[in-house]
Amino acid sequence: MYSPHRAVVRRIVDGCDDNESLGPPDRASPAGNYVLLDCPRMTLLLAHLKRGSIRVRAGDLVEAGDFLGLAGNSGNSSEPHLHVHAERVGIGIGMEFGGRYLIRNSIIKVA
């Protein structure tokens, strides 16, 4: 997973185990392992990352395209995936990917 934007890493969590296939999700750590980015006009959460894969630290400046970590199955997750959440002043905001404006629970499949 790569940074989608130039940002400062605000916080990371990288100590949650990945959930076993078909096992129960970890509801005590909803986001699991994650990177929280402070972008110029929003905060961006990239969650459910694989334990031990995060390659940035709080305070790092990252550029769009910099490697952050691997998608995983940590936290309140039933299958490996990347959860992306953008917000401004605590309110969720929409995102555009490749010219497509996505809504809550949109799924993007990468070939």
PDB file of N, CA and C in Angstrom:
ATOM      1  N   MET A   1       0.844  -1.149   0.000  1.00  0.00           N
ATOM      2  CA  MET A   1       0.000   0.000   0.000  1.00  0.00           C
ATOM      3  C   MET A   1       0.903   1.229   0.000  1.00  0.00           C
ATOM      4  N   TYR A   2       0.518   2.201  -0.812  1.00  0.00           N
ATOM      5  CA  TYR A   2       1.329   3.387  -1.006  1.00  0.00           C
ATOM      6  C   TYR A   2       0.547   4.630  -0.581  1.00  0.00           C
ATOM      7  N   SER A   3       1.270   5.646  -0.164  1.00  0.00           N
ATOM      8  CA  SER A   3       0.611   6.873   0.257  1.00  0.00           C
ATOM      9  C   SER A   3      -0.112   7.505  -0.935  1.00  0.00           C
ATOM     10  N   PRO A   4      -1.382   7.841  -0.762  1.00  0.00           N
ATOM     11  CA  PRO A   4      -2.112   8.466  -1.860  1.00  0.00           C
ATOM     12  C   PRO A   4      -1.891   9.974  -1.946  1.00  0.00           C
ATOM     13  N   HIS A   5      -1.157  10.533  -0.971  1.00  0.00           N
ATOM     14  CA  HIS A   5      -1.061  11.987  -0.893  1.00  0.00           C
ATOM     15  C   HIS A   5       0.198  12.376  -0.131  1.00  0.00           C
ATOM     16  N   ARG A   6       0.691  13.566  -0.369  1.00  0.00           N
ATOM     17  CA  ARG A   6       1.770  14.112   0.454  1.00  0.00           C
ATOM     18  C   ARG A   6       1.179  14.403   1.832  1.00  0.00           C
ATOM     19  N   ALA A   7       1.844  13.934   2.882  1.00  0.00           N
ATOM     20  CA  ALA A   7       1.263  14.050   4.219  1.00  0.00           C
ATOM     21  C   ALA A   7       2.326  13.839   5.282  1.00  0.00           C
ATOM     22  N   VAL A   8       1.943  14.176   6.509  1.00  0.00           N
ATOM     23  CA  VAL A   8       2.756  13.856   7.682  1.00  0.00           C
ATOM     24  C   VAL A   8       2.071  12.699   8.388  1.00  0.00           C
ATOM     25  N   VAL A   9       2.849  11.689   8.750  1.00  0.00           N
ATOM     26  CA  VAL A   9       2.309  10.556   9.488  1.00  0.00           C
ATOM     27  C   VAL A   9       2.011  11.027  10.906  1.00  0.00           C
ATOM     28  N   ARG A  10       0.740  11.001  11.282  1.00  0.00           N
ATOM     29  CA  ARG A  10       0.355  11.442  12.625  1.00  0.00           C
ATOM     30  C   ARG A  10       0.531  10.310  13.624  1.00  0.00           C
ATOM     31  N   ARG A  11       0.093   9.113  13.252  1.00  0.00           N
ATOM     32  CA  ARG A  11       0.120   7.996  14.199  1.00  0.00           C
ATOM     33  C   ARG A  11       0.153   6.684  13.416  1.00  0.00           C
ATOM     34  N   ILE A  12       0.783   5.680  14.023  1.00  0.00           N
ATOM     35  CA  ILE A  12       0.714   4.318  13.490  1.00  0.00           C
ATOM     36  C   ILE A  12       0.409   3.364  14.640  1.00  0.00           C
ATOM     37  N   VAL A  13      -0.211   2.259  14.309  1.00  0.00           N
ATOM     38  CA  VAL A  13      -0.363   1.122  15.212  1.00  0.00           C
ATOM     39  C   VAL A  13       0.085  -0.086  14.405  1.00  0.00           C
ATOM     40  N   ASP A  14       0.997  -0.887  14.978  1.00  0.00           N
ATOM     41  CA  ASP A  14       1.538  -2.033  14.236  1.00  0.00           C
ATOM     42  C   ASP A  14       1.749  -3.243  15.146  1.00  0.00           C
ATOM     43  N   GLY A  15       0.871  -3.432  16.142  1.00  0.00           N
ATOM     44  CA  GLY A  15       1.060  -4.549  17.062  1.00  0.00           C
ATOM     45  C   GLY A  15      -0.073  -5.545  17.085  1.00  0.00           C
ATOM     46  N   CYS A  16      -1.067  -5.367  16.220  1.00  0.00           N
ATOM     47  CA  CYS A  16      -2.224  -6.277  16.214  1.00  0.00           C
ATOM     48  C   CYS A  16      -1.962  -7.455  15.281  1.00  0.00           C
ATOM     49  N   ASP A  17      -2.261  -8.661  15.747  1.00  0.00           N
ATOM     50  CA  ASP A  17      -2.126  -9.834  14.887  1.00  0.00           C
ATOM     51  C   ASP A  17      -3.177  -9.821  13.794  1.00  0.00           C
ATOM     52  N   ASP A  18      -2.858 -10.427  12.650  1.00  0.00           N
ATOM     53  CA  ASP A  18      -3.872 -10.642  11.624  1.00  0.00           C
ATOM     54  C   ASP A  18      -4.834 -11.703  12.129  1.00  0.00           C
ATOM     55  N   ASN A  19      -6.114 -11.549  11.814  1.00  0.00           N
ATOM     56  CA  ASN A  19      -7.119 -12.537  12.190  1.00  0.00           C
ATOM     57  C   ASN A  19      -6.959 -13.787  11.335  1.00  0.00           C
ATOM     58  N   GLU A  20      -7.266 -14.924  11.915  1.00  0.00           N
ATOM     59  CA  GLU A  20      -7.227 -16.175  11.155  1.00  0.00           C
ATOM     60  C   GLU A  20      -8.372 -16.199  10.155  1.00  0.00           C
ATOM     61  N   SER A  21      -8.170 -16.902   9.036  1.00  0.00           N
ATOM     62  CA  SER A  21      -9.241 -17.052   8.055  1.00  0.00           C
ATOM     63  C   SER A  21     -10.465 -17.654   8.717  1.00  0.00           C
ATOM     64  N   LEU A  22     -11.593 -17.038   8.495  1.00  0.00           N
ATOM     65  CA  LEU A  22     -12.879 -17.481   9.036  1.00  0.00           C
ATOM     66  C   LEU A  22     -12.945 -17.423  10.558  1.00  0.00           C
ATOM     67  N   GLY A  23     -11.923 -16.834  11.179  1.00  0.00           N
ATOM     68  CA  GLY A  23     -11.936 -16.688  12.635  1.00  0.00           C
ATOM     69  C   GLY A  23     -12.667 -15.420  13.034  1.00  0.00           C
ATOM     70  N   PRO A  24     -12.851 -15.214  14.337  1.00  0.00           N
ATOM     71  CA  PRO A  24     -13.559 -14.004  14.783  1.00  0.00           C
ATOM     72  C   PRO A  24     -12.705 -12.751  14.595  1.00  0.00           C
ATOM     73  N   PRO A  25     -13.332 -11.617  14.255  1.00  0.00           N
ATOM     74  CA  PRO A  25     -12.582 -10.361  14.151  1.00  0.00           C
ATOM     75  C   PRO A  25     -12.202  -9.843  15.537  1.00  0.00           C
ATOM     76  N   ASP A  26     -11.221  -8.974  15.574  1.00  0.00           N
ATOM     77  CA  ASP A  26     -10.760  -8.362  16.824  1.00  0.00           C
ATOM     78  C   ASP A  26     -11.535  -7.073  17.045  1.00  0.00           C
ATOM     79  N   ARG A  27     -12.653  -7.165  17.731  1.00  0.00           N
ATOM     80  CA  ARG A  27     -13.506  -5.997  17.937  1.00  0.00           C
ATOM     81  C   ARG A  27     -12.912  -5.019  18.968  1.00  0.00           C
ATOM     82  N   ALA A  28     -11.933  -5.473  19.741  1.00  0.00           N
ATOM     83  CA  ALA A  28     -11.295  -4.597  20.723  1.00  0.00           C
ATOM     84  C   ALA A  28     -10.374  -3.573  20.050  1.00  0.00           C
ATOM     85  N   SER A  29      -9.928  -3.866  18.832  1.00  0.00           N
ATOM     86  CA  SER A  29      -9.051  -2.958  18.066  1.00  0.00           C
ATOM     87  C   SER A  29      -9.678  -2.762  16.685  1.00  0.00           C
ATOM     88  N   PRO A  30     -10.724  -1.959  16.578  1.00  0.00           N
ATOM     89  CA  PRO A  30     -11.492  -1.883  15.330  1.00  0.00           C
ATOM     90  C   PRO A  30     -10.665  -1.643  14.069  1.00  0.00           C
ATOM     91  N   ALA A  31      -9.710  -0.716  14.103  1.00  0.00           N
ATOM     92  CA  ALA A  31      -8.922  -0.408  12.907  1.00  0.00           C
ATOM     93  C   ALA A  31      -7.741  -1.354  12.734  1.00  0.00           C
ATOM     94  N   GLY A  32      -7.438  -2.144  13.772  1.00  0.00           N
ATOM     95  CA  GLY A  32      -6.274  -3.028  13.690  1.00  0.00           C
ATOM     96  C   GLY A  32      -5.006  -2.200  13.550  1.00  0.00           C
ATOM     97  N   ASN A  33      -4.095  -2.668  12.722  1.00  0.00           N
ATOM     98  CA  ASN A  33      -2.874  -1.917  12.432  1.00  0.00           C
ATOM     99  C   ASN A  33      -3.221  -0.848  11.402  1.00  0.00           C
ATOM    100  N   TYR A  34      -2.731   0.375  11.639  1.00  0.00           N
ATOM    101  CA  TYR A  34      -3.107   1.445  10.715  1.00  0.00           C
ATOM    102  C   TYR A  34      -2.045   2.531  10.641  1.00  0.00           C
ATOM    103  N   VAL A  35      -2.194   3.349   9.597  1.00  0.00           N
ATOM    104  CA  VAL A  35      -1.412   4.572   9.425  1.00  0.00           C
ATOM    105  C   VAL A  35      -2.414   5.705   9.331  1.00  0.00           C
ATOM    106  N   LEU A  36      -2.210   6.753  10.124  1.00  0.00           N
ATOM    107  CA  LEU A  36      -3.058   7.938  10.101  1.00  0.00           C
ATOM    108  C   LEU A  36      -2.230   9.075   9.524  1.00  0.00           C
ATOM    109  N   LEU A  37      -2.706   9.658   8.423  1.00  0.00           N
ATOM    110  CA  LEU A  37      -1.969  10.701   7.710  1.00  0.00           C
ATOM    111  C   LEU A  37      -2.656  12.058   7.852  1.00  0.00           C
ATOM    112  N   ASP A  38      -1.873  13.092   8.126  1.00  0.00           N
ATOM    113  CA  ASP A  38      -2.364  14.469   8.094  1.00  0.00           C
ATOM    114  C   ASP A  38      -2.025  15.034   6.720  1.00  0.00           C
ATOM    115  N   CYS A  39      -3.038  15.134   5.875  1.00  0.00           N
ATOM    116  CA  CYS A  39      -2.892  15.703   4.536  1.00  0.00           C
ATOM    117  C   CYS A  39      -3.262  17.184   4.613  1.00  0.00           C
ATOM    118  N   PRO A  40      -2.956  17.978   3.589  1.00  0.00           N
ATOM    119  CA  PRO A  40      -3.239  19.415   3.675  1.00  0.00           C
ATOM    120  C   PRO A  40      -4.689  19.770   3.997  1.00  0.00           C
ATOM    121  N   ARG A  41      -5.669  19.048   3.462  1.00  0.00           N
ATOM    122  CA  ARG A  41      -7.063  19.429   3.699  1.00  0.00           C
ATOM    123  C   ARG A  41      -7.898  18.326   4.338  1.00  0.00           C
ATOM    124  N   MET A  42      -7.245  17.261   4.831  1.00  0.00           N
ATOM    125  CA  MET A  42      -7.999  16.166   5.420  1.00  0.00           C
ATOM    126  C   MET A  42      -7.074  15.282   6.247  1.00  0.00           C
ATOM    127  N   THR A  43      -7.690  14.428   7.042  1.00  0.00           N
ATOM    128  CA  THR A  43      -6.981  13.348   7.734  1.00  0.00           C
ATOM    129  C   THR A  43      -7.391  12.060   7.058  1.00  0.00           C
ATOM    130  N   LEU A  44      -6.428  11.186   6.818  1.00  0.00           N
ATOM    131  CA  LEU A  44      -6.680   9.951   6.081  1.00  0.00           C
ATOM    132  C   LEU A  44      -6.238   8.757   6.912  1.00  0.00           C
ATOM    133  N   LEU A  45      -7.164   7.826   7.130  1.00  0.00           N
ATOM    134  CA  LEU A  45      -6.885   6.598   7.869  1.00  0.00           C
ATOM    135  C   LEU A  45      -6.790   5.439   6.889  1.00  0.00           C
ATOM    136  N   LEU A  46      -5.699   4.671   6.964  1.00  0.00           N
ATOM    137  CA  LEU A  46      -5.504   3.468   6.161  1.00  0.00           C
ATOM    138  C   LEU A  46      -5.383   2.317   7.155  1.00  0.00           C
ATOM    139  N   ALA A  47      -6.409   1.456   7.193  1.00  0.00           N
ATOM    140  CA  ALA A  47      -6.547   0.495   8.292  1.00  0.00           C
ATOM    141  C   ALA A  47      -6.563  -0.958   7.836  1.00  0.00           C
ATOM    142  N   HIS A  48      -6.419  -1.861   8.822  1.00  0.00           N
ATOM    143  CA  HIS A  48      -6.418  -3.322   8.688  1.00  0.00           C
ATOM    144  C   HIS A  48      -5.129  -3.827   8.044  1.00  0.00           C
ATOM    145  N   LEU A  49      -4.012  -3.157   8.345  1.00  0.00           N
ATOM    146  CA  LEU A  49      -2.737  -3.516   7.743  1.00  0.00           C
ATOM    147  C   LEU A  49      -2.136  -4.763   8.391  1.00  0.00           C
ATOM    148  N   LYS A  50      -1.242  -5.396   7.653  1.00  0.00           N
ATOM    149  CA  LYS A  50      -0.568  -6.612   8.117  1.00  0.00           C
ATOM    150  C   LYS A  50       0.448  -6.254   9.198  1.00  0.00           C
ATOM    151  N   ARG A  51       0.432  -7.018  10.278  1.00  0.00           N
ATOM    152  CA  ARG A  51       1.362  -6.787  11.391  1.00  0.00           C
ATOM    153  C   ARG A  51       2.809  -6.854  10.914  1.00  0.00           C
ATOM    154  N   GLY A  52       3.597  -5.874  11.362  1.00  0.00           N
ATOM    155  CA  GLY A  52       5.025  -5.843  11.046  1.00  0.00           C
ATOM    156  C   GLY A  52       5.361  -5.292   9.674  1.00  0.00           C
ATOM    157  N   SER A  53       4.357  -4.879   8.898  1.00  0.00           N
ATOM    158  CA  SER A  53       4.635  -4.432   7.535  1.00  0.00           C
ATOM    159  C   SER A  53       4.761  -2.917   7.388  1.00  0.00           C
ATOM    160  N   ILE A  54       4.377  -2.151   8.404  1.00  0.00           N
ATOM    161  CA  ILE A  54       4.382  -0.691   8.290  1.00  0.00           C
ATOM    162  C   ILE A  54       5.820  -0.178   8.298  1.00  0.00           C
ATOM    163  N   ARG A  55       6.155   0.642   7.310  1.00  0.00           N
ATOM    164  CA  ARG A  55       7.529   1.111   7.124  1.00  0.00           C
ATOM    165  C   ARG A  55       7.727   2.595   7.398  1.00  0.00           C
ATOM    166  N   VAL A  56       6.736   3.247   8.011  1.00  0.00           N
ATOM    167  CA  VAL A  56       6.855   4.667   8.368  1.00  0.00           C
ATOM    168  C   VAL A  56       6.634   4.818   9.861  1.00  0.00           C
ATOM    169  N   ARG A  57       6.992   5.963  10.393  1.00  0.00           N
ATOM    170  CA  ARG A  57       6.842   6.254  11.815  1.00  0.00           C
ATOM    171  C   ARG A  57       6.148   7.601  11.980  1.00  0.00           C
ATOM    172  N   ALA A  58       5.539   7.814  13.128  1.00  0.00           N
ATOM    173  CA  ALA A  58       4.895   9.093  13.424  1.00  0.00           C
ATOM    174  C   ALA A  58       5.912  10.214  13.235  1.00  0.00           C
ATOM    175  N   GLY A  59       5.479  11.278  12.568  1.00  0.00           N
ATOM    176  CA  GLY A  59       6.340  12.415  12.303  1.00  0.00           C
ATOM    177  C   GLY A  59       6.994  12.395  10.938  1.00  0.00           C
ATOM    178  N   ASP A  60       7.022  11.240  10.274  1.00  0.00           N
ATOM    179  CA  ASP A  60       7.615  11.156   8.940  1.00  0.00           C
ATOM    180  C   ASP A  60       6.802  11.968   7.941  1.00  0.00           C
ATOM    181  N   LEU A  61       7.486  12.591   6.997  1.00  0.00           N
ATOM    182  CA  LEU A  61       6.842  13.232   5.857  1.00  0.00           C
ATOM    183  C   LEU A  61       6.867  12.226   4.716  1.00  0.00           C
ATOM    184  N   VAL A  62       5.701  11.925   4.155  1.00  0.00           N
ATOM    185  CA  VAL A  62       5.626  10.988   3.036  1.00  0.00           C
ATOM    186  C   VAL A  62       5.105  11.719   1.809  1.00  0.00           C
ATOM    187  N   GLU A  63       5.540  11.262   0.669  1.00  0.00           N
ATOM    188  CA  GLU A  63       5.084  11.799  -0.617  1.00  0.00           C
ATOM    189  C   GLU A  63       4.100  10.808  -1.227  1.00  0.00           C
ATOM    190  N   ALA A  64       3.260  11.286  -2.120  1.00  0.00           N
ATOM    191  CA  ALA A  64       2.363  10.391  -2.848  1.00  0.00           C
ATOM    192  C   ALA A  64       3.210   9.319  -3.526  1.00  0.00           C
ATOM    193  N   GLY A  65       2.837   8.065  -3.340  1.00  0.00           N
ATOM    194  CA  GLY A  65       3.568   6.955  -3.938  1.00  0.00           C
ATOM    195  C   GLY A  65       4.571   6.291  -3.024  1.00  0.00           C
ATOM    196  N   ASP A  66       4.868   6.866  -1.855  1.00  0.00           N
ATOM    197  CA  ASP A  66       5.791   6.230  -0.908  1.00  0.00           C
ATOM    198  C   ASP A  66       5.140   4.989  -0.312  1.00  0.00           C
ATOM    199  N   PHE A  67       5.929   3.928  -0.150  1.00  0.00           N
ATOM    200  CA  PHE A  67       5.418   2.685   0.437  1.00  0.00           C
ATOM    201  C   PHE A  67       5.143   2.897   1.923  1.00  0.00           C
ATOM    202  N   LEU A  68       3.955   2.454   2.375  1.00  0.00           N
ATOM    203  CA  LEU A  68       3.581   2.573   3.781  1.00  0.00           C
ATOM    204  C   LEU A  68       3.540   1.216   4.477  1.00  0.00           C
ATOM    205  N   GLY A  69       2.949   0.215   3.856  1.00  0.00           N
ATOM    206  CA  GLY A  69       2.803  -1.098   4.472  1.00  0.00           C
ATOM    207  C   GLY A  69       1.951  -1.995   3.593  1.00  0.00           C
ATOM    208  N   LEU A  70       1.620  -3.182   4.118  1.00  0.00           N
ATOM    209  CA  LEU A  70       0.833  -4.160   3.354  1.00  0.00           C
ATOM    210  C   LEU A  70      -0.580  -4.278   3.901  1.00  0.00           C
ATOM    211  N   ALA A  71      -1.539  -4.421   3.022  1.00  0.00           N
ATOM    212  CA  ALA A  71      -2.914  -4.690   3.440  1.00  0.00           C
ATOM    213  C   ALA A  71      -2.928  -6.014   4.185  1.00  0.00           C
ATOM    214  N   GLY A  72      -3.772  -6.107   5.197  1.00  0.00           N
ATOM    215  CA  GLY A  72      -3.839  -7.325   5.997  1.00  0.00           C
ATOM    216  C   GLY A  72      -5.247  -7.606   6.455  1.00  0.00           C
ATOM    217  N   ASN A  73      -5.331  -8.271   7.594  1.00  0.00           N
ATOM    218  CA  ASN A  73      -6.621  -8.701   8.134  1.00  0.00           C
ATOM    219  C   ASN A  73      -6.655  -8.457   9.639  1.00  0.00           C
ATOM    220  N   SER A  74      -6.109  -7.334  10.080  1.00  0.00           N
ATOM    221  CA  SER A  74      -6.078  -7.028  11.514  1.00  0.00           C
ATOM    222  C   SER A  74      -7.311  -6.221  11.911  1.00  0.00           C
ATOM    223  N   GLY A  75      -7.636  -6.265  13.195  1.00  0.00           N
ATOM    224  CA  GLY A  75      -8.750  -5.478  13.714  1.00  0.00           C
ATOM    225  C   GLY A  75     -10.101  -6.102  13.440  1.00  0.00           C
ATOM    226  N   ASN A  76     -11.119  -5.276  13.349  1.00  0.00           N
ATOM    227  CA  ASN A  76     -12.488  -5.748  13.117  1.00  0.00           C
ATOM    228  C   ASN A  76     -12.661  -6.016  11.621  1.00  0.00           C
ATOM    229  N   SER A  77     -12.060  -7.097  11.180  1.00  0.00           N
ATOM    230  CA  SER A  77     -11.983  -7.432   9.764  1.00  0.00           C
ATOM    231  C   SER A  77     -12.245  -8.921   9.576  1.00  0.00           C
ATOM    232  N   SER A  78     -13.041  -9.243   8.570  1.00  0.00           N
ATOM    233  CA  SER A  78     -13.353 -10.652   8.304  1.00  0.00           C
ATOM    234  C   SER A  78     -12.532 -11.227   7.160  1.00  0.00           C
ATOM    235  N   GLU A  79     -11.829 -10.365   6.416  1.00  0.00           N
ATOM    236  CA  GLU A  79     -11.010 -10.813   5.302  1.00  0.00           C
ATOM    237  C   GLU A  79      -9.966  -9.741   5.001  1.00  0.00           C
ATOM    238  N   PRO A  80      -8.844 -10.127   4.392  1.00  0.00           N
ATOM    239  CA  PRO A  80      -7.818  -9.133   4.079  1.00  0.00           C
ATOM    240  C   PRO A  80      -8.364  -8.055   3.151  1.00  0.00           C
ATOM    241  N   HIS A  81      -8.131  -6.803   3.526  1.00  0.00           N
ATOM    242  CA  HIS A  81      -8.535  -5.671   2.705  1.00  0.00           C
ATOM    243  C   HIS A  81      -7.912  -4.405   3.261  1.00  0.00           C
ATOM    244  N   LEU A  82      -8.011  -3.329   2.509  1.00  0.00           N
ATOM    245  CA  LEU A  82      -7.563  -2.019   2.952  1.00  0.00           C
ATOM    246  C   LEU A  82      -8.795  -1.158   3.165  1.00  0.00           C
ATOM    247  N   HIS A  83      -8.924  -0.611   4.358  1.00  0.00           N
ATOM    248  CA  HIS A  83     -10.018   0.301   4.697  1.00  0.00           C
ATOM    249  C   HIS A  83      -9.457   1.715   4.615  1.00  0.00           C
ATOM    250  N   VAL A  84     -10.095   2.566   3.827  1.00  0.00           N
ATOM    251  CA  VAL A  84      -9.660   3.953   3.656  1.00  0.00           C
ATOM    252  C   VAL A  84     -10.775   4.862   4.146  1.00  0.00           C
ATOM    253  N   HIS A  85     -10.422   5.782   5.039  1.00  0.00           N
ATOM    254  CA  HIS A  85     -11.411   6.721   5.578  1.00  0.00           C
ATOM    255  C   HIS A  85     -10.797   8.108   5.578  1.00  0.00           C
ATOM    256  N   ALA A  86     -11.514   9.069   4.974  1.00  0.00           N
ATOM    257  CA  ALA A  86     -11.059  10.460   4.955  1.00  0.00           C
ATOM    258  C   ALA A  86     -12.031  11.301   5.768  1.00  0.00           C
ATOM    259  N   GLU A  87     -11.476  12.248   6.518  1.00  0.00           N
ATOM    260  CA  GLU A  87     -12.342  13.156   7.277  1.00  0.00           C
ATOM    261  C   GLU A  87     -11.706  14.527   7.383  1.00  0.00           C
ATOM    262  N   ARG A  88     -12.576  15.505   7.640  1.00  0.00           N
ATOM    263  CA  ARG A  88     -12.149  16.883   7.870  1.00  0.00           C
ATOM    264  C   ARG A  88     -12.906  17.370   9.090  1.00  0.00           C
ATOM    265  N   VAL A  89     -12.188  17.802  10.115  1.00  0.00           N
ATOM    266  CA  VAL A  89     -12.768  18.279  11.370  1.00  0.00           C
ATOM    267  C   VAL A  89     -13.738  17.233  11.936  1.00  0.00           C
ATOM    268  N   GLY A  90     -13.343  15.968  11.889  1.00  0.00           N
ATOM    269  CA  GLY A  90     -14.132  14.898  12.483  1.00  0.00           C
ATOM    270  C   GLY A  90     -15.330  14.430  11.683  1.00  0.00           C
ATOM    271  N   ILE A  91     -15.517  14.953  10.478  1.00  0.00           N
ATOM    272  CA  ILE A  91     -16.658  14.563   9.646  1.00  0.00           C
ATOM    273  C   ILE A  91     -16.136  13.853   8.400  1.00  0.00           C
ATOM    274  N   GLY A  92     -16.662  12.664   8.116  1.00  0.00           N
ATOM    275  CA  GLY A  92     -16.254  11.910   6.945  1.00  0.00           C
ATOM    276  C   GLY A  92     -16.517  12.681   5.663  1.00  0.00           C
ATOM    277  N   ILE A  93     -15.579  12.576   4.717  1.00  0.00           N
ATOM    278  CA  ILE A  93     -15.738  13.250   3.431  1.00  0.00           C
ATOM    279  C   ILE A  93     -15.583  12.224   2.309  1.00  0.00           C
ATOM    280  N   GLY A  94     -16.185  12.525   1.175  1.00  0.00           N
ATOM    281  CA  GLY A  94     -16.103  11.637   0.018  1.00  0.00           C
ATOM    282  C   GLY A  94     -14.716  11.626  -0.591  1.00  0.00           C
ATOM    283  N   MET A  95     -14.447  10.573  -1.370  1.00  0.00           N
ATOM    284  CA  MET A  95     -13.155  10.430  -2.029  1.00  0.00           C
ATOM    285  C   MET A  95     -13.377  10.057  -3.486  1.00  0.00           C
ATOM    286  N   GLU A  96     -12.409  10.433  -4.293  1.00  0.00           N
ATOM    287  CA  GLU A  96     -12.443  10.087  -5.714  1.00  0.00           C
ATOM    288  C   GLU A  96     -11.227   9.223  -6.020  1.00  0.00           C
ATOM    289  N   PHE A  97     -11.449   8.117  -6.716  1.00  0.00           N
ATOM    290  CA  PHE A  97     -10.376   7.203  -7.107  1.00  0.00           C
ATOM    291  C   PHE A  97     -10.447   7.009  -8.610  1.00  0.00           C
ATOM    292  N   GLY A  98      -9.397   7.380  -9.300  1.00  0.00           N
ATOM    293  CA  GLY A  98      -9.359   7.174 -10.739  1.00  0.00           C
ATOM    294  C   GLY A  98     -10.533   7.799 -11.467  1.00  0.00           C
ATOM    295  N   GLY A  99     -10.966   8.963 -11.004  1.00  0.00           N
ATOM    296  CA  GLY A  99     -12.079   9.641 -11.645  1.00  0.00           C
ATOM    297  C   GLY A  99     -13.453   9.163 -11.205  1.00  0.00           C
ATOM    298  N   ARG A 100     -13.506   8.185 -10.291  1.00  0.00           N
ATOM    299  CA  ARG A 100     -14.784   7.669  -9.780  1.00  0.00           C
ATOM    300  C   ARG A 100     -14.992   8.170  -8.367  1.00  0.00           C
ATOM    301  N   TYR A 101     -16.148   8.773  -8.122  1.00  0.00           N
ATOM    302  CA  TYR A 101     -16.508   9.223  -6.789  1.00  0.00           C
ATOM    303  C   TYR A 101     -17.159   8.042  -6.075  1.00  0.00           C
ATOM    304  N   LEU A 102     -16.592   7.636  -4.952  1.00  0.00           N
ATOM    305  CA  LEU A 102     -17.072   6.449  -4.256  1.00  0.00           C
ATOM    306  C   LEU A 102     -17.910   6.824  -3.049  1.00  0.00           C
ATOM    307  N   ILE A 103     -18.833   5.959  -2.706  1.00  0.00           N
ATOM    308  CA  ILE A 103     -19.673   6.159  -1.534  1.00  0.00           C
ATOM    309  C   ILE A 103     -19.336   5.091  -0.507  1.00  0.00           C
ATOM    310  N   ARG A 104     -19.907   5.208   0.671  1.00  0.00           N
ATOM    311  CA  ARG A 104     -19.641   4.270   1.769  1.00  0.00           C
ATOM    312  C   ARG A 104     -19.796   2.819   1.311  1.00  0.00           C
ATOM    313  N   ASN A 105     -18.808   2.011   1.685  1.00  0.00           N
ATOM    314  CA  ASN A 105     -18.760   0.581   1.386  1.00  0.00           C
ATOM    315  C   ASN A 105     -18.577   0.251  -0.092  1.00  0.00           C
ATOM    316  N   SER A 106     -18.105   1.215  -0.884  1.00  0.00           N
ATOM    317  CA  SER A 106     -17.758   0.904  -2.268  1.00  0.00           C
ATOM    318  C   SER A 106     -16.597  -0.082  -2.265  1.00  0.00           C
ATOM    319  N   ILE A 107     -16.574  -0.936  -3.240  1.00  0.00           N
ATOM    320  CA  ILE A 107     -15.502  -1.929  -3.357  1.00  0.00           C
ATOM    321  C   ILE A 107     -14.765  -1.695  -4.667  1.00  0.00           C
ATOM    322  N   ILE A 108     -13.442  -1.639  -4.568  1.00  0.00           N
ATOM    323  CA  ILE A 108     -12.596  -1.505  -5.744  1.00  0.00           C
ATOM    324  C   ILE A 108     -11.794  -2.784  -5.845  1.00  0.00           C
ATOM    325  N   LYS A 109     -11.914  -3.474  -6.950  1.00  0.00           N
ATOM    326  CA  LYS A 109     -11.130  -4.688  -7.164  1.00  0.00           C
ATOM    327  C   LYS A 109      -9.975  -4.352  -8.079  1.00  0.00           C
ATOM    328  N   VAL A 110      -8.782  -4.771  -7.667  1.00  0.00           N
ATOM    329  CA  VAL A 110      -7.593  -4.535  -8.453  1.00  0.00           C
ATOM    330  C   VAL A 110      -7.207  -5.834  -9.118  1.00  0.00           C
ATOM    331  N   ALA A 111      -7.029  -5.786 -10.429  1.00  0.00           N
ATOM    332  CA  ALA A 111      -6.686  -7.011 -11.174  1.00  0.00           C
ATOM    333  C   ALA A 111      -5.240  -7.371 -10.985  1.00  0.00           C
TER     334      ALA A 111
END
